[in-house]
Each structure stands twice: as structure tokens, then as C-alpha cells.
Amino acid sequence: MNFDQEWNAGELSCGDLVLELRRRLLEAPGQVFKVIALDLGAPEDIPAWCGMTGHELLAQDLDLHAYFIRAKS
């Protein structure tokens, strides 16, 4: 999948992860981000957060801990 930016969040906990992710997405409306997140809660938290905030989760690869998110415009 094509993406504009990549961010490796490593093992950031979901609270810190979504705060930083929010900042990054707000700075780049319409861009697609590849986010690597190793936190155990990320597979449930990132899709739920995208749904609540209006950002579009395009795909996720749980084997690679990768999430592709389009920032809302």
C-alpha cells in the first residue's frame, strides 16, 4: 500500500500513542500514514480511535503491527 509518511511508535502505550498520532495527523490532512505500533492494545484501540475521530483506517496488518490511516481533511 502506498503511503505519504511512516511513523514507528514502537512500544508506546495507547494513551501516548494516540496523542502523538493525533498531532501528526492534524499536521497532514488527507495524507496516508503507515503506523507501526507494538502495544498489545493497538489492534483494538487504533481502529476504535479512528472511528471516533473521523480518520480513515484503510488497512491493518497484525503480523507486521502496521496500520494505514488516512488523515481526515
PDB file of N, CA and C in Angstrom:
ATOM      1  N   MET A   1       0.850  -1.184   0.000  1.00  0.00           N
ATOM      2  CA  MET A   1       0.000   0.000   0.000  1.00  0.00           C
ATOM      3  C   MET A   1       0.887   1.236   0.000  1.00  0.00           C
ATOM      4  N   ASN A   2       0.517   2.227  -0.791  1.00  0.00           N
ATOM      5  CA  ASN A   2       1.259   3.485  -0.830  1.00  0.00           C
ATOM      6  C   ASN A   2       0.910   4.339   0.382  1.00  0.00           C
ATOM      7  N   PHE A   3       1.902   5.081   0.863  1.00  0.00           N
ATOM      8  CA  PHE A   3       1.679   5.974   1.995  1.00  0.00           C
ATOM      9  C   PHE A   3       2.586   7.184   1.854  1.00  0.00           C
ATOM     10  N   ASP A   4       2.197   8.264   2.527  1.00  0.00           N
ATOM     11  CA  ASP A   4       2.954   9.515   2.465  1.00  0.00           C
ATOM     12  C   ASP A   4       3.997   9.616   3.568  1.00  0.00           C
ATOM     13  N   GLN A   5       3.659   9.109   4.736  1.00  0.00           N
ATOM     14  CA  GLN A   5       4.559   9.197   5.879  1.00  0.00           C
ATOM     15  C   GLN A   5       4.522   7.884   6.655  1.00  0.00           C
ATOM     16  N   GLU A   6       5.625   7.606   7.337  1.00  0.00           N
ATOM     17  CA  GLU A   6       5.699   6.420   8.187  1.00  0.00           C
ATOM     18  C   GLU A   6       6.159   6.845   9.574  1.00  0.00           C
ATOM     19  N   TRP A   7       5.531   6.245  10.573  1.00  0.00           N
ATOM     20  CA  TRP A   7       5.915   6.530  11.949  1.00  0.00           C
ATOM     21  C   TRP A   7       5.963   5.222  12.716  1.00  0.00           C
ATOM     22  N   ASN A   8       7.096   4.945  13.335  1.00  0.00           N
ATOM     23  CA  ASN A   8       7.247   3.766  14.172  1.00  0.00           C
ATOM     24  C   ASN A   8       7.040   4.206  15.620  1.00  0.00           C
ATOM     25  N   ALA A   9       5.869   3.879  16.150  1.00  0.00           N
ATOM     26  CA  ALA A   9       5.529   4.251  17.519  1.00  0.00           C
ATOM     27  C   ALA A   9       6.136   3.290  18.535  1.00  0.00           C
ATOM     28  N   GLY A  10       6.719   2.213  18.048  1.00  0.00           N
ATOM     29  CA  GLY A  10       7.356   1.248  18.946  1.00  0.00           C
ATOM     30  C   GLY A  10       6.385   0.718  19.975  1.00  0.00           C
ATOM     31  N   GLU A  11       6.815   0.730  21.216  1.00  0.00           N
ATOM     32  CA  GLU A  11       6.003   0.176  22.302  1.00  0.00           C
ATOM     33  C   GLU A  11       5.280   1.250  23.111  1.00  0.00           C
ATOM     34  N   LEU A  12       5.058   2.433  22.506  1.00  0.00           N
ATOM     35  CA  LEU A  12       4.294   3.471  23.210  1.00  0.00           C
ATOM     36  C   LEU A  12       2.945   2.905  23.645  1.00  0.00           C
ATOM     37  N   SER A  13       2.545   3.233  24.853  1.00  0.00           N
ATOM     38  CA  SER A  13       1.227   2.793  25.310  1.00  0.00           C
ATOM     39  C   SER A  13       0.169   3.542  24.514  1.00  0.00           C
ATOM     40  N   CYS A  14      -1.018   2.994  24.468  1.00  0.00           N
ATOM     41  CA  CYS A  14      -2.058   3.560  23.597  1.00  0.00           C
ATOM     42  C   CYS A  14      -2.397   5.004  23.933  1.00  0.00           C
ATOM     43  N   GLY A  15      -2.350   5.397  25.188  1.00  0.00           N
ATOM     44  CA  GLY A  15      -2.630   6.788  25.537  1.00  0.00           C
ATOM     45  C   GLY A  15      -1.646   7.738  24.870  1.00  0.00           C
ATOM     46  N   ASP A  16      -0.363   7.477  25.055  1.00  0.00           N
ATOM     47  CA  ASP A  16       0.665   8.308  24.429  1.00  0.00           C
ATOM     48  C   ASP A  16       0.651   8.162  22.917  1.00  0.00           C
ATOM     49  N   LEU A  17       0.378   6.962  22.441  1.00  0.00           N
ATOM     50  CA  LEU A  17       0.351   6.695  21.007  1.00  0.00           C
ATOM     51  C   LEU A  17      -0.712   7.544  20.318  1.00  0.00           C
ATOM     52  N   VAL A  18      -1.930   7.547  20.836  1.00  0.00           N
ATOM     53  CA  VAL A  18      -2.995   8.294  20.155  1.00  0.00           C
ATOM     54  C   VAL A  18      -2.797   9.806  20.285  1.00  0.00           C
ATOM     55  N   LEU A  19      -2.187  10.275  21.356  1.00  0.00           N
ATOM     56  CA  LEU A  19      -1.910  11.711  21.469  1.00  0.00           C
ATOM     57  C   LEU A  19      -0.915  12.146  20.393  1.00  0.00           C
ATOM     58  N   GLU A  20       0.154  11.379  20.217  1.00  0.00           N
ATOM     59  CA  GLU A  20       1.145  11.714  19.199  1.00  0.00           C
ATOM     60  C   GLU A  20       0.584  11.498  17.798  1.00  0.00           C
ATOM     61  N   LEU A  21      -0.188  10.434  17.618  1.00  0.00           N
ATOM     62  CA  LEU A  21      -0.805  10.171  16.322  1.00  0.00           C
ATOM     63  C   LEU A  21      -1.756  11.305  15.952  1.00  0.00           C
ATOM     64  N   ARG A  22      -2.520  11.782  16.897  1.00  0.00           N
ATOM     65  CA  ARG A  22      -3.439  12.907  16.655  1.00  0.00           C
ATOM     66  C   ARG A  22      -2.676  14.121  16.155  1.00  0.00           C
ATOM     67  N   ARG A  23      -1.574  14.443  16.823  1.00  0.00           N
ATOM     68  CA  ARG A  23      -0.769  15.597  16.429  1.00  0.00           C
ATOM     69  C   ARG A  23      -0.254  15.439  14.999  1.00  0.00           C
ATOM     70  N   ARG A  24       0.263  14.270  14.684  1.00  0.00           N
ATOM     71  CA  ARG A  24       0.821  14.028  13.352  1.00  0.00           C
ATOM     72  C   ARG A  24      -0.247  14.099  12.263  1.00  0.00           C
ATOM     73  N   LEU A  25      -1.398  13.527  12.514  1.00  0.00           N
ATOM     74  CA  LEU A  25      -2.462  13.526  11.512  1.00  0.00           C
ATOM     75  C   LEU A  25      -3.035  14.923  11.290  1.00  0.00           C
ATOM     76  N   LEU A  26      -3.152  15.703  12.347  1.00  0.00           N
ATOM     77  CA  LEU A  26      -3.666  17.069  12.208  1.00  0.00           C
ATOM     78  C   LEU A  26      -2.746  17.937  11.368  1.00  0.00           C
ATOM     79  N   GLU A  27      -1.453  17.636  11.378  1.00  0.00           N
ATOM     80  CA  GLU A  27      -0.478  18.422  10.619  1.00  0.00           C
ATOM     81  C   GLU A  27      -0.442  18.044   9.143  1.00  0.00           C
ATOM     82  N   ALA A  28      -1.127  16.977   8.745  1.00  0.00           N
ATOM     83  CA  ALA A  28      -1.029  16.488   7.362  1.00  0.00           C
ATOM     84  C   ALA A  28      -2.383  15.991   6.857  1.00  0.00           C
ATOM     85  N   PRO A  29      -3.383  16.867   6.752  1.00  0.00           N
ATOM     86  CA  PRO A  29      -4.713  16.434   6.314  1.00  0.00           C
ATOM     87  C   PRO A  29      -4.677  15.762   4.943  1.00  0.00           C
ATOM     88  N   GLY A  30      -5.405  14.649   4.832  1.00  0.00           N
ATOM     89  CA  GLY A  30      -5.526  13.916   3.581  1.00  0.00           C
ATOM     90  C   GLY A  30      -4.395  12.950   3.290  1.00  0.00           C
ATOM     91  N   GLN A  31      -3.315  13.027   4.041  1.00  0.00           N
ATOM     92  CA  GLN A  31      -2.190  12.129   3.794  1.00  0.00           C
ATOM     93  C   GLN A  31      -2.429  10.759   4.416  1.00  0.00           C
ATOM     94  N   VAL A  32      -1.755   9.755   3.843  1.00  0.00           N
ATOM     95  CA  VAL A  32      -1.843   8.389   4.356  1.00  0.00           C
ATOM     96  C   VAL A  32      -0.596   8.111   5.185  1.00  0.00           C
ATOM     97  N   PHE A  33      -0.816   7.626   6.387  1.00  0.00           N
ATOM     98  CA  PHE A  33       0.258   7.300   7.314  1.00  0.00           C
ATOM     99  C   PHE A  33       0.353   5.786   7.489  1.00  0.00           C
ATOM    100  N   LYS A  34       1.566   5.296   7.500  1.00  0.00           N
ATOM    101  CA  LYS A  34       1.825   3.918   7.926  1.00  0.00           C
ATOM    102  C   LYS A  34       2.352   4.036   9.349  1.00  0.00           C
ATOM    103  N   VAL A  35       1.628   3.438  10.281  1.00  0.00           N
ATOM    104  CA  VAL A  35       1.999   3.493  11.690  1.00  0.00           C
ATOM    105  C   VAL A  35       2.342   2.080  12.148  1.00  0.00           C
ATOM    106  N   ILE A  36       3.507   1.936  12.767  1.00  0.00           N
ATOM    107  CA  ILE A  36       3.901   0.669  13.385  1.00  0.00           C
ATOM    108  C   ILE A  36       3.674   0.832  14.880  1.00  0.00           C
ATOM    109  N   ALA A  37       2.847  -0.033  15.461  1.00  0.00           N
ATOM    110  CA  ALA A  37       2.521   0.059  16.884  1.00  0.00           C
ATOM    111  C   ALA A  37       2.570  -1.328  17.505  1.00  0.00           C
ATOM    112  N   LEU A  38       3.455  -1.496  18.486  1.00  0.00           N
ATOM    113  CA  LEU A  38       3.654  -2.794  19.126  1.00  0.00           C
ATOM    114  C   LEU A  38       2.824  -2.992  20.390  1.00  0.00           C
ATOM    115  N   ASP A  39       2.171  -1.945  20.867  1.00  0.00           N
ATOM    116  CA  ASP A  39       1.357  -2.057  22.078  1.00  0.00           C
ATOM    117  C   ASP A  39       0.295  -3.138  21.895  1.00  0.00           C
ATOM    118  N   LEU A  40       0.096  -3.962  22.902  1.00  0.00           N
ATOM    119  CA  LEU A  40      -0.849  -5.081  22.799  1.00  0.00           C
ATOM    120  C   LEU A  40      -2.289  -4.630  22.574  1.00  0.00           C
ATOM    121  N   GLY A  41      -2.628  -3.423  22.989  1.00  0.00           N
ATOM    122  CA  GLY A  41      -3.986  -2.926  22.813  1.00  0.00           C
ATOM    123  C   GLY A  41      -4.238  -2.270  21.460  1.00  0.00           C
ATOM    124  N   ALA A  42      -3.181  -2.046  20.696  1.00  0.00           N
ATOM    125  CA  ALA A  42      -3.303  -1.324  19.426  1.00  0.00           C
ATOM    126  C   ALA A  42      -4.289  -1.951  18.438  1.00  0.00           C
ATOM    127  N   PRO A  43      -4.356  -3.282  18.300  1.00  0.00           N
ATOM    128  CA  PRO A  43      -5.294  -3.848  17.319  1.00  0.00           C
ATOM    129  C   PRO A  43      -6.760  -3.477  17.567  1.00  0.00           C
ATOM    130  N   GLU A  44      -7.127  -3.217  18.807  1.00  0.00           N
ATOM    131  CA  GLU A  44      -8.487  -2.763  19.095  1.00  0.00           C
ATOM    132  C   GLU A  44      -8.560  -1.245  19.212  1.00  0.00           C
ATOM    133  N   ASP A  45      -7.536  -0.647  19.815  1.00  0.00           N
ATOM    134  CA  ASP A  45      -7.585   0.783  20.114  1.00  0.00           C
ATOM    135  C   ASP A  45      -7.461   1.667  18.874  1.00  0.00           C
ATOM    136  N   ILE A  46      -6.568   1.341  17.957  1.00  0.00           N
ATOM    137  CA  ILE A  46      -6.372   2.205  16.787  1.00  0.00           C
ATOM    138  C   ILE A  46      -7.620   2.243  15.904  1.00  0.00           C
ATOM    139  N   PRO A  47      -8.228   1.093  15.550  1.00  0.00           N
ATOM    140  CA  PRO A  47      -9.462   1.171  14.757  1.00  0.00           C
ATOM    141  C   PRO A  47     -10.577   1.940  15.480  1.00  0.00           C
ATOM    142  N   ALA A  48     -10.727   1.721  16.777  1.00  0.00           N
ATOM    143  CA  ALA A  48     -11.767   2.425  17.537  1.00  0.00           C
ATOM    144  C   ALA A  48     -11.492   3.927  17.554  1.00  0.00           C
ATOM    145  N   TRP A  49     -10.243   4.300  17.759  1.00  0.00           N
ATOM    146  CA  TRP A  49      -9.872   5.716  17.783  1.00  0.00           C
ATOM    147  C   TRP A  49     -10.137   6.366  16.433  1.00  0.00           C
ATOM    148  N   CYS A  50      -9.784   5.679  15.348  1.00  0.00           N
ATOM    149  CA  CYS A  50     -10.051   6.212  14.005  1.00  0.00           C
ATOM    150  C   CYS A  50     -11.548   6.439  13.813  1.00  0.00           C
ATOM    151  N   GLY A  51     -12.360   5.487  14.240  1.00  0.00           N
ATOM    152  CA  GLY A  51     -13.808   5.623  14.112  1.00  0.00           C
ATOM    153  C   GLY A  51     -14.359   6.798  14.896  1.00  0.00           C
ATOM    154  N   MET A  52     -13.796   7.057  16.061  1.00  0.00           N
ATOM    155  CA  MET A  52     -14.277   8.162  16.905  1.00  0.00           C
ATOM    156  C   MET A  52     -13.820   9.520  16.402  1.00  0.00           C
ATOM    157  N   THR A  53     -12.680   9.566  15.707  1.00  0.00           N
ATOM    158  CA  THR A  53     -12.094  10.852  15.331  1.00  0.00           C
ATOM    159  C   THR A  53     -12.308  11.221  13.869  1.00  0.00           C
ATOM    160  N   GLY A  54     -12.802  10.281  13.055  1.00  0.00           N
ATOM    161  CA  GLY A  54     -13.054  10.586  11.649  1.00  0.00           C
ATOM    162  C   GLY A  54     -11.894  10.323  10.718  1.00  0.00           C
ATOM    163  N   HIS A  55     -10.780   9.820  11.243  1.00  0.00           N
ATOM    164  CA  HIS A  55      -9.675   9.410  10.385  1.00  0.00           C
ATOM    165  C   HIS A  55     -10.027   8.033   9.819  1.00  0.00           C
ATOM    166  N   GLU A  56      -9.567   7.749   8.605  1.00  0.00           N
ATOM    167  CA  GLU A  56      -9.957   6.513   7.933  1.00  0.00           C
ATOM    168  C   GLU A  56      -8.874   5.443   8.060  1.00  0.00           C
ATOM    169  N   LEU A  57      -9.224   4.338   8.707  1.00  0.00           N
ATOM    170  CA  LEU A  57      -8.320   3.195   8.766  1.00  0.00           C
ATOM    171  C   LEU A  57      -8.464   2.446   7.451  1.00  0.00           C
ATOM    172  N   LEU A  58      -7.454   2.518   6.613  1.00  0.00           N
ATOM    173  CA  LEU A  58      -7.502   1.910   5.289  1.00  0.00           C
ATOM    174  C   LEU A  58      -7.196   0.420   5.343  1.00  0.00           C
ATOM    175  N   ALA A  59      -6.245   0.036   6.191  1.00  0.00           N
ATOM    176  CA  ALA A  59      -5.842  -1.370   6.302  1.00  0.00           C
ATOM    177  C   ALA A  59      -5.025  -1.539   7.569  1.00  0.00           C
ATOM    178  N   GLN A  60      -4.955  -2.784   8.012  1.00  0.00           N
ATOM    179  CA  GLN A  60      -4.051  -3.112   9.112  1.00  0.00           C
ATOM    180  C   GLN A  60      -3.488  -4.491   8.859  1.00  0.00           C
ATOM    181  N   ASP A  61      -2.230  -4.663   9.210  1.00  0.00           N
ATOM    182  CA  ASP A  61      -1.538  -5.937   9.077  1.00  0.00           C
ATOM    183  C   ASP A  61      -1.051  -6.315  10.465  1.00  0.00           C
ATOM    184  N   LEU A  62      -1.780  -7.199  11.119  1.00  0.00           N
ATOM    185  CA  LEU A  62      -1.468  -7.538  12.506  1.00  0.00           C
ATOM    186  C   LEU A  62      -0.142  -8.273  12.633  1.00  0.00           C
ATOM    187  N   ASP A  63       0.260  -9.012  11.595  1.00  0.00           N
ATOM    188  CA  ASP A  63       1.547  -9.706  11.645  1.00  0.00           C
ATOM    189  C   ASP A  63       2.708  -8.718  11.683  1.00  0.00           C
ATOM    190  N   LEU A  64       2.560  -7.602  10.988  1.00  0.00           N
ATOM    191  CA  LEU A  64       3.612  -6.577  10.930  1.00  0.00           C
ATOM    192  C   LEU A  64       3.374  -5.426  11.908  1.00  0.00           C
ATOM    193  N   HIS A  65       2.255  -5.474  12.636  1.00  0.00           N
ATOM    194  CA  HIS A  65       1.881  -4.401  13.576  1.00  0.00           C
ATOM    195  C   HIS A  65       1.736  -3.068  12.846  1.00  0.00           C
ATOM    196  N   ALA A  66       1.255  -3.118  11.595  1.00  0.00           N
ATOM    197  CA  ALA A  66       1.166  -1.930  10.749  1.00  0.00           C
ATOM    198  C   ALA A  66      -0.287  -1.520  10.540  1.00  0.00           C
ATOM    199  N   TYR A  67      -0.503  -0.210  10.582  1.00  0.00           N
ATOM    200  CA  TYR A  67      -1.820   0.388  10.383  1.00  0.00           C
ATOM    201  C   TYR A  67      -1.671   1.494   9.345  1.00  0.00           C
ATOM    202  N   PHE A  68      -2.564   1.502   8.365  1.00  0.00           N
ATOM    203  CA  PHE A  68      -2.548   2.526   7.330  1.00  0.00           C
ATOM    204  C   PHE A  68      -3.760   3.410   7.532  1.00  0.00           C
ATOM    205  N   ILE A  69      -3.498   4.680   7.799  1.00  0.00           N
ATOM    206  CA  ILE A  69      -4.552   5.615   8.197  1.00  0.00           C
ATOM    207  C   ILE A  69      -4.501   6.850   7.305  1.00  0.00           C
ATOM    208  N   ARG A  70      -5.663   7.223   6.750  1.00  0.00           N
ATOM    209  CA  ARG A  70      -5.763   8.477   6.003  1.00  0.00           C
ATOM    210  C   ARG A  70      -6.269   9.560   6.953  1.00  0.00           C
ATOM    211  N   ALA A  71      -5.484  10.610   7.103  1.00  0.00           N
ATOM    212  CA  ALA A  71      -5.869  11.728   7.957  1.00  0.00           C
ATOM    213  C   ALA A  71      -7.079  12.439   7.353  1.00  0.00           C
ATOM    214  N   LYS A  72      -8.031  12.771   8.180  1.00  0.00           N
ATOM    215  CA  LYS A  72      -9.212  13.487   7.668  1.00  0.00           C
ATOM    216  C   LYS A  72      -8.778  14.861   7.183  1.00  0.00           C
ATOM    217  N   SER A  73      -9.516  15.322   6.178  1.00  0.00           N
ATOM    218  CA  SER A  73      -9.188  16.633   5.571  1.00  0.00           C
ATOM    219  C   SER A  73      -9.790  17.768   6.355  1.00  0.00           C
TER     220      SER A  73
END
